Structure formats: structure tokens, C-alpha cells
Amino acid sequence: EYTSTGAAFDFDSDGFSNLAELRANSNPREAGDTPENRPDVEIRWVNPIEAPTIDGLYDSIWDRAQFSDVSGEQLSIDNLMINQGAVRPDGNTEFRWFAMHDDTSLYIFVLGENVDTVTPIRDSTNVWQDDNLNIFIDGDNSKLSNYDGVDDLHIFIPLLTSPSDPSENSTVFVAGENSAPVPEFEFATCLCSDGQHTWEIKLPLDALNIRKNVPFGFDIQIDEDNDGGARDARWAWFHPSRTTVDVDNTWTTPSFMGTAVIR
């Protein structure tokens, strides 16, 4: 007789029966994927032959990317974490991200400022004081209280290369002070005159310890500088919004990341 408990019906020996995993849409043959760590977003596959060219421009292949989370909500970067002069209220930005993978690389596209409303300015030594993208990854989804030095990464990608160079950036990035070493990766930004400032990124899955059907920690955050000088705001996809005081935890505490999985 069939029962929902016991080792005979738990193929991956993770403590959850195959039946319970199927009901929760987790993988009964992958111990790292359980009903308790279901992802916030599932990133879809694209044929490697059709994978995007990394130039900062939105190509038609991006129409096949994952644009929403598992609840159907748009992947908006609109949680206001730091407000030192934000020009938008919490929950109301044009900032978005979307992604796909080809079993070898993770491709991420980020829409930043509307070029009609803000002129990019880079005038600070620290990249987070200017218009800048933050990528957070916890490869094994351990979500510890401290960065583990192995597969917990924090990458800053400024929109511009330097205060003296107003052109798009495909060379300058900075690892967060708590980040594990960042592997080689490809990226490009665009000061797209007919739409929004953009970031396009290609990250190596194996070097990030990201495996198919196994959840990993993830967040996308944007630093915003509206008028030169210091940063005016920081926005997040997953990190909670501020209430009465500024909040900024992901760069020190991986447990503040959301959860993603490639399918």
C-alpha cells in the first residue's frame, strides 16, 4: 500500500515525500529543492544559439525572458530602502529586471532611469554614491547571517565608467567588501537616448554555484543619484522597504536575499 512517508517514497532523502514535493511543485529528485525553500521567481531557459549579445540594447530575444515572479507580479525594483532625496514614492518606479538562462550562463537585463527625467552623473569615488546596479547572489541558498566567502557575491556595476568619461560602461565593476571573489563575466550599460538607461549582464552559472532546479539566493538593487553629490536613494526588488528609517541589509546579511531558480 502506498503511503506519503518513509524513505521508499522520498527519492532525494530530504525529509519531504515525493507526493508532498509534487504538490508543492518542488523537485522530488533534488535534495536542494524542497517545499520549504520554494523560489520567489523561476527563470526560464533559452536556446544557447539564440542567447542575447551583451551590448546593453534590448533585442527581440529578451521577449522570451522571465518578467514576473511566481505570483505573477512584475519584477519591479521599487522597494525604497534608502531615502536621502528620492524623487519617487515607495512602490512607484520604472525600474525592472528580467532574466533567462541557457544552462551555461545567466542573462539579466535591468531597466533603470527614464532618460527623459534624469541625466546620469558620475562624480563620486564610491560607485554606490552614483547611478549604480547591485547584484546579490547566494549560490547554495544558505542565507547565512554573514557572507561565507565561497559563493555569496555582491557586485556593483556603475552606469558610467568614471567622472571623466560619460560613455557607457562595459569594463568597470566593483566587488562588495563582503563578497566572495567575483568570476569573470560580461556586461554592458546603455545611456539609451530613446528610452531607459539599461544594464545587460551575462554570468557563468558553474562559477556562481548555480544549478538547474536548485534554488539560489538573489536580489537586484539600484543606487540612484539624481543631481550629483551623494546618493539620493536605493531601491530593491526583494529587500523590504524602509518604514520610518533607512534600511540596507543585503550587503552584510545574505538572508535578506530573495530566492530564484533556473528551470
Protein backbone atom coordinates (compact mmCIF):
# COMPACT_ATOMS: atom_id res chain seq x y z
CA GLU A 1 0.00 0.00 0.00
CA TYR A 2 1.20 3.49 -0.84
CA THR A 3 1.92 5.95 1.98
CA SER A 4 3.26 9.51 1.76
CA THR A 5 6.01 8.90 4.32
CA GLY A 6 9.11 6.74 4.52
CA ALA A 7 12.41 6.56 2.67
CA ALA A 8 10.93 4.45 -0.12
CA PHE A 9 8.89 7.45 -1.23
CA ASP A 10 11.50 10.17 -0.68
CA PHE A 11 13.86 9.74 -3.63
CA ASP A 12 16.20 12.59 -2.67
CA SER A 13 16.13 11.85 1.10
CA ASP A 14 15.41 15.46 2.02
CA GLY A 15 12.67 14.66 4.53
CA PHE A 16 9.80 15.51 2.18
CA SER A 17 7.89 12.75 0.43
CA ASN A 18 7.69 12.67 -3.36
CA LEU A 19 3.96 13.34 -3.07
CA ALA A 20 4.46 16.40 -0.86
CA GLU A 21 7.10 17.72 -3.26
CA LEU A 22 4.91 17.23 -6.32
CA ARG A 23 2.04 19.01 -4.59
CA ALA A 24 4.37 21.94 -3.75
CA ASN A 25 5.93 21.92 -7.25
CA SER A 26 9.40 21.19 -5.88
CA ASN A 27 11.69 18.55 -7.38
CA PRO A 28 11.39 15.12 -5.67
CA ARG A 29 14.76 14.09 -7.11
CA GLU A 30 16.76 17.15 -5.95
CA ALA A 31 17.53 17.48 -2.23
CA GLY A 32 18.23 21.20 -2.59
CA ASP A 33 14.70 21.89 -3.82
CA THR A 34 12.06 21.39 -1.12
CA PRO A 35 8.58 22.72 -0.24
CA GLU A 36 10.22 24.93 2.40
CA ASN A 37 12.51 26.86 0.05
CA ARG A 38 10.22 27.43 -2.89
CA PRO A 39 11.56 30.23 -5.11
CA ASP A 40 10.20 33.73 -5.50
CA VAL A 41 10.99 33.61 -9.21
CA GLU A 42 11.61 30.82 -11.73
CA ILE A 43 13.94 31.79 -14.58
CA ARG A 44 13.21 30.20 -17.92
CA TRP A 45 15.53 28.60 -20.49
CA VAL A 46 16.59 29.95 -23.88
CA ASN A 47 18.36 28.07 -26.65
CA PRO A 48 22.10 28.91 -26.50
CA ILE A 49 22.07 29.56 -30.23
CA GLU A 50 19.58 32.38 -29.64
CA ALA A 51 21.16 33.82 -26.47
CA PRO A 52 21.48 37.62 -26.45
CA THR A 53 24.53 39.61 -27.45
CA ILE A 54 25.72 41.66 -24.48
CA ASP A 55 25.64 45.25 -25.69
CA GLY A 56 23.15 46.97 -23.35
CA LEU A 57 20.44 47.02 -26.01
CA TYR A 58 17.07 45.29 -25.79
CA ASP A 59 16.98 42.65 -28.53
CA SER A 60 13.86 40.69 -29.52
CA ILE A 61 15.18 37.55 -27.80
CA TRP A 62 14.50 39.29 -24.47
CA ASP A 63 10.79 38.94 -25.23
CA ARG A 64 11.23 35.31 -24.08
CA ALA A 65 12.70 36.21 -20.69
CA GLN A 66 11.06 35.76 -17.29
CA PHE A 67 9.29 39.03 -16.49
CA SER A 68 7.25 38.06 -13.41
CA ASP A 69 7.59 36.21 -10.12
CA VAL A 70 5.80 33.01 -9.14
CA SER A 71 2.76 35.07 -8.07
CA GLY A 72 2.55 36.77 -11.44
CA GLU A 73 3.86 40.10 -10.15
CA GLN A 74 6.16 42.15 -12.38
CA LEU A 75 9.84 42.01 -11.36
CA SER A 76 9.94 45.64 -10.28
CA ILE A 77 12.82 47.28 -8.42
CA ASP A 78 10.61 49.59 -6.39
CA ASN A 79 11.14 48.89 -2.69
CA LEU A 80 12.57 52.16 -1.35
CA MET A 81 15.33 51.21 1.10
CA ILE A 82 17.24 54.50 1.43
CA ASN A 83 15.60 57.89 1.02
CA GLN A 84 18.01 60.82 1.06
CA GLY A 85 16.15 62.74 -1.63
CA ALA A 86 14.21 60.15 -3.65
CA VAL A 87 12.01 61.73 -6.31
CA ARG A 88 9.56 58.80 -6.35
CA PRO A 89 7.43 57.28 -3.57
CA ASP A 90 7.92 53.72 -2.36
CA GLY A 91 6.42 51.20 -4.78
CA ASN A 92 6.45 53.53 -7.76
CA THR A 93 9.41 53.34 -10.19
CA GLU A 94 10.04 52.38 -13.79
CA PHE A 95 12.93 50.16 -12.65
CA ARG A 96 12.55 46.50 -13.65
CA TRP A 97 14.60 43.38 -14.21
CA PHE A 98 14.08 40.19 -16.18
CA ALA A 99 16.24 37.15 -16.87
CA MET A 100 16.81 33.87 -18.70
CA HIS A 101 19.49 31.18 -18.92
CA ASP A 102 20.93 28.70 -21.44
CA ASP A 103 22.25 26.05 -18.99
CA THR A 104 25.68 27.73 -19.09
CA SER A 105 25.04 31.40 -18.39
CA LEU A 106 22.53 33.54 -16.53
CA TYR A 107 21.40 36.56 -18.54
CA ILE A 108 19.95 39.58 -16.71
CA PHE A 109 18.53 42.77 -18.17
CA VAL A 110 17.79 45.77 -15.95
CA LEU A 111 15.81 48.88 -16.85
CA GLY A 112 16.91 51.91 -14.85
CA GLU A 113 16.16 55.63 -15.12
CA ASN A 114 13.90 57.05 -17.80
CA VAL A 115 16.32 59.17 -19.81
CA ASP A 116 13.75 61.96 -20.16
CA THR A 117 13.64 62.62 -16.41
CA VAL A 118 17.23 62.32 -15.09
CA THR A 119 20.68 63.00 -16.51
CA PRO A 120 23.31 60.49 -15.33
CA ILE A 121 26.12 61.99 -13.29
CA ARG A 122 29.23 60.22 -12.00
CA ASP A 123 31.17 62.41 -9.61
CA SER A 124 31.95 60.18 -6.63
CA THR A 125 34.82 57.86 -5.79
CA ASN A 126 32.47 55.25 -4.33
CA VAL A 127 30.30 53.72 -7.05
CA TRP A 128 27.25 53.42 -4.78
CA GLN A 129 27.07 57.21 -4.50
CA ASP A 130 26.24 57.43 -8.23
CA ASP A 131 23.80 55.64 -10.56
CA ASN A 132 24.72 52.02 -9.98
CA LEU A 133 23.40 48.45 -10.12
CA ASN A 134 23.84 45.93 -7.28
CA ILE A 135 23.64 42.18 -7.99
CA PHE A 136 23.45 39.84 -4.99
CA ILE A 137 23.85 36.06 -5.33
CA ASP A 138 23.99 33.24 -2.75
CA GLY A 139 24.86 30.22 -4.88
CA ASP A 140 23.88 27.49 -2.41
CA ASN A 141 20.96 29.49 -0.95
CA SER A 142 22.36 29.02 2.57
CA LYS A 143 21.11 32.52 3.50
CA LEU A 144 23.52 32.90 6.42
CA SER A 145 23.81 35.93 8.68
CA ASN A 146 27.27 36.63 7.21
CA TYR A 147 28.88 36.26 3.78
CA ASP A 148 30.56 32.85 3.59
CA GLY A 149 33.47 33.82 1.30
CA VAL A 150 32.59 30.98 -1.09
CA ASP A 151 29.51 31.66 -3.19
CA ASP A 152 27.94 34.73 -1.59
CA LEU A 153 28.52 37.57 -4.05
CA HIS A 154 27.82 41.29 -4.19
CA ILE A 155 28.65 43.06 -7.48
CA PHE A 156 28.43 46.81 -8.15
CA ILE A 157 28.11 47.87 -11.81
CA PRO A 158 28.11 51.67 -12.26
CA LEU A 159 26.20 53.10 -15.19
CA LEU A 160 29.24 55.18 -16.21
CA THR A 161 32.92 54.25 -16.08
CA SER A 162 34.24 57.33 -14.26
CA PRO A 163 33.54 61.01 -13.54
CA SER A 164 35.69 61.93 -16.55
CA ASP A 165 34.02 59.52 -19.01
CA PRO A 166 30.30 59.97 -19.81
CA SER A 167 30.14 56.94 -22.12
CA GLU A 168 28.51 53.58 -21.49
CA ASN A 169 30.29 51.07 -19.24
CA SER A 170 31.40 47.54 -20.16
CA THR A 171 34.59 47.31 -18.10
CA VAL A 172 34.19 48.77 -14.59
CA PHE A 173 32.68 46.80 -11.72
CA VAL A 174 33.43 46.60 -8.01
CA ALA A 175 33.08 43.64 -5.65
CA GLY A 176 31.33 44.40 -2.36
CA GLU A 177 33.59 44.38 0.67
CA ASN A 178 31.97 41.18 1.99
CA SER A 179 31.72 39.42 -1.37
CA ALA A 180 33.45 36.21 -2.37
CA PRO A 181 35.78 36.65 -5.37
CA VAL A 182 33.77 37.59 -8.46
CA PRO A 183 34.36 35.35 -11.50
CA GLU A 184 34.89 36.78 -14.96
CA PHE A 185 31.62 37.89 -16.52
CA GLU A 186 30.35 40.04 -19.36
CA PHE A 187 28.19 43.15 -19.12
CA ALA A 188 27.29 46.39 -20.87
CA THR A 189 25.35 49.52 -19.96
CA CYS A 190 23.48 51.87 -22.25
CA LEU A 191 22.51 55.53 -21.93
CA CYS A 192 19.74 54.74 -24.35
CA SER A 193 18.50 58.06 -25.73
CA ASP A 194 15.12 56.70 -26.78
CA GLY A 195 14.05 55.02 -23.54
CA GLN A 196 15.70 53.99 -20.29
CA HIS A 197 19.22 53.54 -19.03
CA THR A 198 19.99 49.82 -19.10
CA TRP A 199 22.29 47.12 -17.80
CA GLU A 200 22.73 43.79 -19.63
CA ILE A 201 24.71 41.06 -17.86
CA LYS A 202 25.94 37.53 -18.63
CA LEU A 203 27.09 35.50 -15.60
CA PRO A 204 28.67 32.00 -15.59
CA LEU A 205 26.42 29.52 -13.78
CA ASP A 206 29.08 27.00 -12.72
CA ALA A 207 31.35 29.67 -11.24
CA LEU A 208 28.40 31.01 -9.23
CA ASN A 209 27.46 27.52 -7.95
CA ILE A 210 24.03 27.81 -9.57
CA ARG A 211 22.47 24.53 -10.68
CA LYS A 212 19.32 23.82 -12.61
CA ASN A 213 16.23 23.24 -10.43
CA VAL A 214 18.17 24.15 -7.26
CA PRO A 215 17.17 27.44 -5.58
CA PHE A 216 19.76 30.16 -5.04
CA GLY A 217 19.73 33.50 -3.23
CA PHE A 218 19.21 36.58 -5.39
CA ASP A 219 18.41 40.28 -5.33
CA ILE A 220 18.74 43.28 -7.63
CA GLN A 221 19.13 46.77 -6.20
CA ILE A 222 19.69 50.19 -7.76
CA ASP A 223 21.53 53.17 -6.29
CA GLU A 224 20.15 56.45 -7.63
CA ASP A 225 21.88 59.83 -7.80
CA ASN A 226 19.59 62.50 -9.22
CA ASP A 227 21.69 65.64 -9.07
CA GLY A 228 25.34 64.86 -8.38
CA GLY A 229 26.97 64.61 -4.99
CA ALA A 230 25.82 61.84 -2.66
CA ARG A 231 23.33 59.06 -3.39
CA ASP A 232 19.67 60.08 -3.19
CA ALA A 233 18.02 56.65 -2.98
CA ARG A 234 18.50 52.89 -3.04
CA TRP A 235 15.78 50.64 -4.44
CA ALA A 236 15.38 46.84 -4.27
CA TRP A 237 13.44 44.07 -5.92
CA PHE A 238 13.29 41.87 -2.79
CA HIS A 239 14.77 43.64 0.25
CA PRO A 240 11.91 45.16 2.31
CA SER A 241 11.15 48.87 2.01
CA ARG A 242 12.07 51.36 4.69
CA THR A 243 9.38 52.45 7.15
CA THR A 244 10.47 55.36 9.35
CA VAL A 245 14.23 54.90 8.90
CA ASP A 246 16.51 53.80 6.07
CA VAL A 247 17.30 50.09 5.80
CA ASP A 248 20.21 48.45 3.95
CA ASN A 249 20.99 44.88 5.00
CA THR A 250 21.77 42.67 1.99
CA TRP A 251 25.39 43.79 1.62
CA THR A 252 26.15 42.39 5.09
CA THR A 253 23.49 39.68 5.52
CA PRO A 254 22.70 37.18 2.72
CA SER A 255 19.49 36.08 4.47
CA PHE A 256 17.87 39.27 3.13
CA MET A 257 18.09 37.95 -0.44
CA GLY A 258 15.12 36.53 -2.26
CA THR A 259 15.11 33.08 -3.86
CA ALA A 260 15.41 32.25 -7.54
CA VAL A 261 15.76 29.05 -9.56
CA ILE A 262 16.62 28.27 -13.18
CA ARG A 263 14.32 25.77 -14.88
